[in-house]
């Protein structure tokens, strides 16, 4: 079984209305057939739909859960991140969930969607949330 699959739904703009939208339902049949252990999926914005779509289909695998939006200047609070993770824990065991930014903080065509300070603050909030989740649910 291969390590994982990362699905990026758009990282070229800060405008959420121009990026791909919709849940992962149409991809679930393909996801089920894939011999991968972890699916890295964007869930930091409502554009991705409900985690139940993937949770019900792939709850036995691992999820790299997108919990911060790399395209916004607003830094998510640890509480917001924890709430997203708790929703995923309805289908995935704590050891099956890794917290990630949606699509990473990479640049598109040499044009970054965020600055270093904001990215560092978002990663710091994600780290604080992970610590709290480990205290609540164990490693």
C-alpha atoms as a PDB file:
ATOM      1  CA  UNK A   1       0.000   0.000   0.000  1.00  0.00           C
ATOM      2  CA  UNK A   2       1.387   3.398  -0.957  1.00  0.00           C
ATOM      3  CA  UNK A   3       1.840   6.157   1.571  1.00  0.00           C
ATOM      4  CA  UNK A   4      -0.667   8.790   0.525  1.00  0.00           C
ATOM      5  CA  UNK A   5      -2.504  11.005  -1.925  1.00  0.00           C
ATOM      6  CA  UNK A   6      -2.748  14.787  -1.676  1.00  0.00           C
ATOM      7  CA  UNK A   7      -5.692  16.528  -3.327  1.00  0.00           C
ATOM      8  CA  UNK A   8      -5.203  20.277  -3.815  1.00  0.00           C
ATOM      9  CA  UNK A   9      -8.283  22.188  -4.912  1.00  0.00           C
ATOM     10  CA  UNK A  10      -6.623  25.480  -5.707  1.00  0.00           C
ATOM     11  CA  UNK A  11      -3.899  27.665  -4.291  1.00  0.00           C
ATOM     12  CA  UNK A  12      -3.573  30.345  -6.955  1.00  0.00           C
ATOM     13  CA  UNK A  13      -5.838  33.033  -5.493  1.00  0.00           C
ATOM     14  CA  UNK A  14      -7.011  34.489  -2.199  1.00  0.00           C
ATOM     15  CA  UNK A  15     -10.524  34.721  -3.650  1.00  0.00           C
ATOM     16  CA  UNK A  16     -12.445  31.670  -2.455  1.00  0.00           C
ATOM     17  CA  UNK A  17     -15.132  32.228  -5.096  1.00  0.00           C
ATOM     18  CA  UNK A  18     -12.734  31.401  -7.971  1.00  0.00           C
ATOM     19  CA  UNK A  19     -11.337  28.193  -6.467  1.00  0.00           C
ATOM     20  CA  UNK A  20     -12.757  24.694  -6.906  1.00  0.00           C
ATOM     21  CA  UNK A  21     -15.783  23.944  -4.778  1.00  0.00           C
ATOM     22  CA  UNK A  22     -17.885  20.920  -3.856  1.00  0.00           C
ATOM     23  CA  UNK A  23     -17.510  17.911  -1.639  1.00  0.00           C
ATOM     24  CA  UNK A  24     -15.435  14.838  -2.457  1.00  0.00           C
ATOM     25  CA  UNK A  25     -18.437  12.564  -3.180  1.00  0.00           C
ATOM     26  CA  UNK A  26     -17.621  12.116  -6.867  1.00  0.00           C
ATOM     27  CA  UNK A  27     -14.063  11.103  -5.979  1.00  0.00           C
ATOM     28  CA  UNK A  28     -15.003   8.602  -3.258  1.00  0.00           C
ATOM     29  CA  UNK A  29     -15.329   5.618  -5.643  1.00  0.00           C
ATOM     30  CA  UNK A  30     -11.806   6.280  -6.946  1.00  0.00           C
ATOM     31  CA  UNK A  31     -10.499   6.881  -3.419  1.00  0.00           C
ATOM     32  CA  UNK A  32     -11.877   3.489  -2.314  1.00  0.00           C
ATOM     33  CA  UNK A  33     -10.005   1.754  -5.142  1.00  0.00           C
ATOM     34  CA  UNK A  34      -6.697   3.463  -4.441  1.00  0.00           C
ATOM     35  CA  UNK A  35      -4.144   1.514  -2.521  1.00  0.00           C
ATOM     36  CA  UNK A  36      -3.022   4.394  -0.333  1.00  0.00           C
ATOM     37  CA  UNK A  37      -2.916   4.658   3.425  1.00  0.00           C
ATOM     38  CA  UNK A  38      -3.512   8.405   3.821  1.00  0.00           C
ATOM     39  CA  UNK A  39      -5.634  10.948   1.984  1.00  0.00           C
ATOM     40  CA  UNK A  40      -4.535  14.576   2.455  1.00  0.00           C
ATOM     41  CA  UNK A  41      -7.657  16.639   1.875  1.00  0.00           C
ATOM     42  CA  UNK A  42      -8.691  20.261   2.232  1.00  0.00           C
ATOM     43  CA  UNK A  43     -11.273  20.931   4.934  1.00  0.00           C
ATOM     44  CA  UNK A  44     -10.362  24.400   6.218  1.00  0.00           C
ATOM     45  CA  UNK A  45     -13.099  26.093   4.192  1.00  0.00           C
ATOM     46  CA  UNK A  46     -16.739  25.284   3.498  1.00  0.00           C
ATOM     47  CA  UNK A  47     -15.775  24.730  -0.153  1.00  0.00           C
ATOM     48  CA  UNK A  48     -14.836  21.123   0.693  1.00  0.00           C
ATOM     49  CA  UNK A  49     -18.241  20.148   2.031  1.00  0.00           C
ATOM     50  CA  UNK A  50     -18.955  17.885   4.988  1.00  0.00           C
ATOM     51  CA  UNK A  51     -16.248  15.588   6.366  1.00  0.00           C
ATOM     52  CA  UNK A  52     -18.927  12.871   6.617  1.00  0.00           C
ATOM     53  CA  UNK A  53     -18.651  12.235   2.853  1.00  0.00           C
ATOM     54  CA  UNK A  54     -15.072  11.037   3.226  1.00  0.00           C
ATOM     55  CA  UNK A  55     -15.371   9.793   6.801  1.00  0.00           C
ATOM     56  CA  UNK A  56     -18.110   7.309   6.000  1.00  0.00           C
ATOM     57  CA  UNK A  57     -16.209   5.977   2.993  1.00  0.00           C
ATOM     58  CA  UNK A  58     -12.621   5.989   4.243  1.00  0.00           C
ATOM     59  CA  UNK A  59     -12.828   5.890   8.032  1.00  0.00           C
ATOM     60  CA  UNK A  60     -10.492   2.897   8.169  1.00  0.00           C
ATOM     61  CA  UNK A  61      -7.630   4.822   6.566  1.00  0.00           C
ATOM     62  CA  UNK A  62      -5.697   7.922   7.612  1.00  0.00           C
ATOM     63  CA  UNK A  63      -6.570  11.514   6.807  1.00  0.00           C
ATOM     64  CA  UNK A  64      -4.286  14.489   6.507  1.00  0.00           C
ATOM     65  CA  UNK A  65      -6.952  16.985   7.486  1.00  0.00           C
ATOM     66  CA  UNK A  66      -6.720  20.515   6.120  1.00  0.00           C
ATOM     67  CA  UNK A  67      -7.465  22.750   9.116  1.00  0.00           C
ATOM     68  CA  UNK A  68      -5.958  26.130   8.195  1.00  0.00           C
ATOM     69  CA  UNK A  69      -6.500  28.153   5.045  1.00  0.00           C
ATOM     70  CA  UNK A  70      -3.143  29.263   3.593  1.00  0.00           C
ATOM     71  CA  UNK A  71      -4.843  31.869   1.410  1.00  0.00           C
ATOM     72  CA  UNK A  72      -6.260  34.118   4.156  1.00  0.00           C
ATOM     73  CA  UNK A  73      -4.576  36.659   6.401  1.00  0.00           C
ATOM     74  CA  UNK A  74      -6.796  35.649   9.330  1.00  0.00           C
ATOM     75  CA  UNK A  75      -5.077  33.182  11.646  1.00  0.00           C
ATOM     76  CA  UNK A  76      -7.393  30.397  12.761  1.00  0.00           C
ATOM     77  CA  UNK A  77      -7.626  29.933  16.509  1.00  0.00           C
ATOM     78  CA  UNK A  78      -6.599  26.638  18.085  1.00  0.00           C
ATOM     79  CA  UNK A  79     -10.266  26.240  19.085  1.00  0.00           C
ATOM     80  CA  UNK A  80     -11.402  26.474  15.441  1.00  0.00           C
ATOM     81  CA  UNK A  81      -8.779  23.929  14.424  1.00  0.00           C
ATOM     82  CA  UNK A  82      -9.749  21.600  17.262  1.00  0.00           C
ATOM     83  CA  UNK A  83     -13.400  21.779  16.194  1.00  0.00           C
ATOM     84  CA  UNK A  84     -12.464  20.691  12.658  1.00  0.00           C
ATOM     85  CA  UNK A  85     -10.382  17.822  14.014  1.00  0.00           C
ATOM     86  CA  UNK A  86     -13.103  16.744  16.447  1.00  0.00           C
ATOM     87  CA  UNK A  87     -15.531  16.506  13.516  1.00  0.00           C
ATOM     88  CA  UNK A  88     -13.115  14.162  11.736  1.00  0.00           C
ATOM     89  CA  UNK A  89     -12.696  12.072  14.899  1.00  0.00           C
ATOM     90  CA  UNK A  90     -16.279  10.902  14.473  1.00  0.00           C
ATOM     91  CA  UNK A  91     -14.940   8.635  11.680  1.00  0.00           C
ATOM     92  CA  UNK A  92     -11.195   8.451  12.174  1.00  0.00           C
ATOM     93  CA  UNK A  93      -9.276   7.276  15.242  1.00  0.00           C
ATOM     94  CA  UNK A  94      -6.931   9.882  16.788  1.00  0.00           C
ATOM     95  CA  UNK A  95      -3.885   8.090  15.382  1.00  0.00           C
ATOM     96  CA  UNK A  96      -5.388   8.288  11.893  1.00  0.00           C
ATOM     97  CA  UNK A  97      -5.656  12.100  11.814  1.00  0.00           C
ATOM     98  CA  UNK A  98      -2.812  14.456  10.915  1.00  0.00           C
ATOM     99  CA  UNK A  99      -3.408  18.207  10.920  1.00  0.00           C
ATOM    100  CA  UNK A 100      -2.350  20.051   7.760  1.00  0.00           C
ATOM    101  CA  UNK A 101      -2.842  23.372   6.037  1.00  0.00           C
ATOM    102  CA  UNK A 102      -5.095  23.195   2.976  1.00  0.00           C
ATOM    103  CA  UNK A 103      -2.808  22.653  -0.017  1.00  0.00           C
ATOM    104  CA  UNK A 104       0.231  23.913   1.878  1.00  0.00           C
ATOM    105  CA  UNK A 105       1.819  27.341   1.816  1.00  0.00           C
ATOM    106  CA  UNK A 106       3.526  26.896  -1.536  1.00  0.00           C
ATOM    107  CA  UNK A 107       3.612  29.508  -4.227  1.00  0.00           C
ATOM    108  CA  UNK A 108       1.899  29.397  -7.583  1.00  0.00           C
ATOM    109  CA  UNK A 109       3.835  30.837 -10.525  1.00  0.00           C
ATOM    110  CA  UNK A 110       6.276  32.498  -8.106  1.00  0.00           C
ATOM    111  CA  UNK A 111       3.395  34.349  -6.447  1.00  0.00           C
ATOM    112  CA  UNK A 112       2.856  33.362  -2.827  1.00  0.00           C
ATOM    113  CA  UNK A 113      -0.649  33.609  -1.450  1.00  0.00           C
ATOM    114  CA  UNK A 114       0.568  34.521   2.031  1.00  0.00           C
ATOM    115  CA  UNK A 115       3.547  35.997   3.829  1.00  0.00           C
ATOM    116  CA  UNK A 116       6.009  34.220   6.111  1.00  0.00           C
ATOM    117  CA  UNK A 117       4.665  35.765   9.334  1.00  0.00           C
ATOM    118  CA  UNK A 118       1.071  34.718   8.647  1.00  0.00           C
ATOM    119  CA  UNK A 119       2.113  31.209   7.621  1.00  0.00           C
ATOM    120  CA  UNK A 120       4.199  30.866  10.804  1.00  0.00           C
ATOM    121  CA  UNK A 121       1.283  32.060  12.957  1.00  0.00           C
ATOM    122  CA  UNK A 122      -1.093  29.590  11.295  1.00  0.00           C
ATOM    123  CA  UNK A 123       1.359  26.741  11.828  1.00  0.00           C
ATOM    124  CA  UNK A 124       1.752  27.831  15.460  1.00  0.00           C
ATOM    125  CA  UNK A 125      -2.011  27.692  15.984  1.00  0.00           C
ATOM    126  CA  UNK A 126      -2.087  24.275  14.333  1.00  0.00           C
ATOM    127  CA  UNK A 127       0.681  23.060  16.662  1.00  0.00           C
ATOM    128  CA  UNK A 128      -1.159  24.360  19.744  1.00  0.00           C
ATOM    129  CA  UNK A 129      -4.327  22.597  18.582  1.00  0.00           C
ATOM    130  CA  UNK A 130      -2.421  19.342  18.033  1.00  0.00           C
ATOM    131  CA  UNK A 131      -1.032  19.496  21.579  1.00  0.00           C
ATOM    132  CA  UNK A 132      -4.505  20.010  23.010  1.00  0.00           C
ATOM    133  CA  UNK A 133      -5.938  17.169  20.920  1.00  0.00           C
ATOM    134  CA  UNK A 134      -3.167  14.818  22.100  1.00  0.00           C
ATOM    135  CA  UNK A 135      -4.012  15.677  25.710  1.00  0.00           C
ATOM    136  CA  UNK A 136      -7.681  14.965  25.074  1.00  0.00           C
ATOM    137  CA  UNK A 137      -7.339  11.847  22.935  1.00  0.00           C
ATOM    138  CA  UNK A 138      -3.816  10.533  23.406  1.00  0.00           C
ATOM    139  CA  UNK A 139      -1.240   9.979  20.681  1.00  0.00           C
END
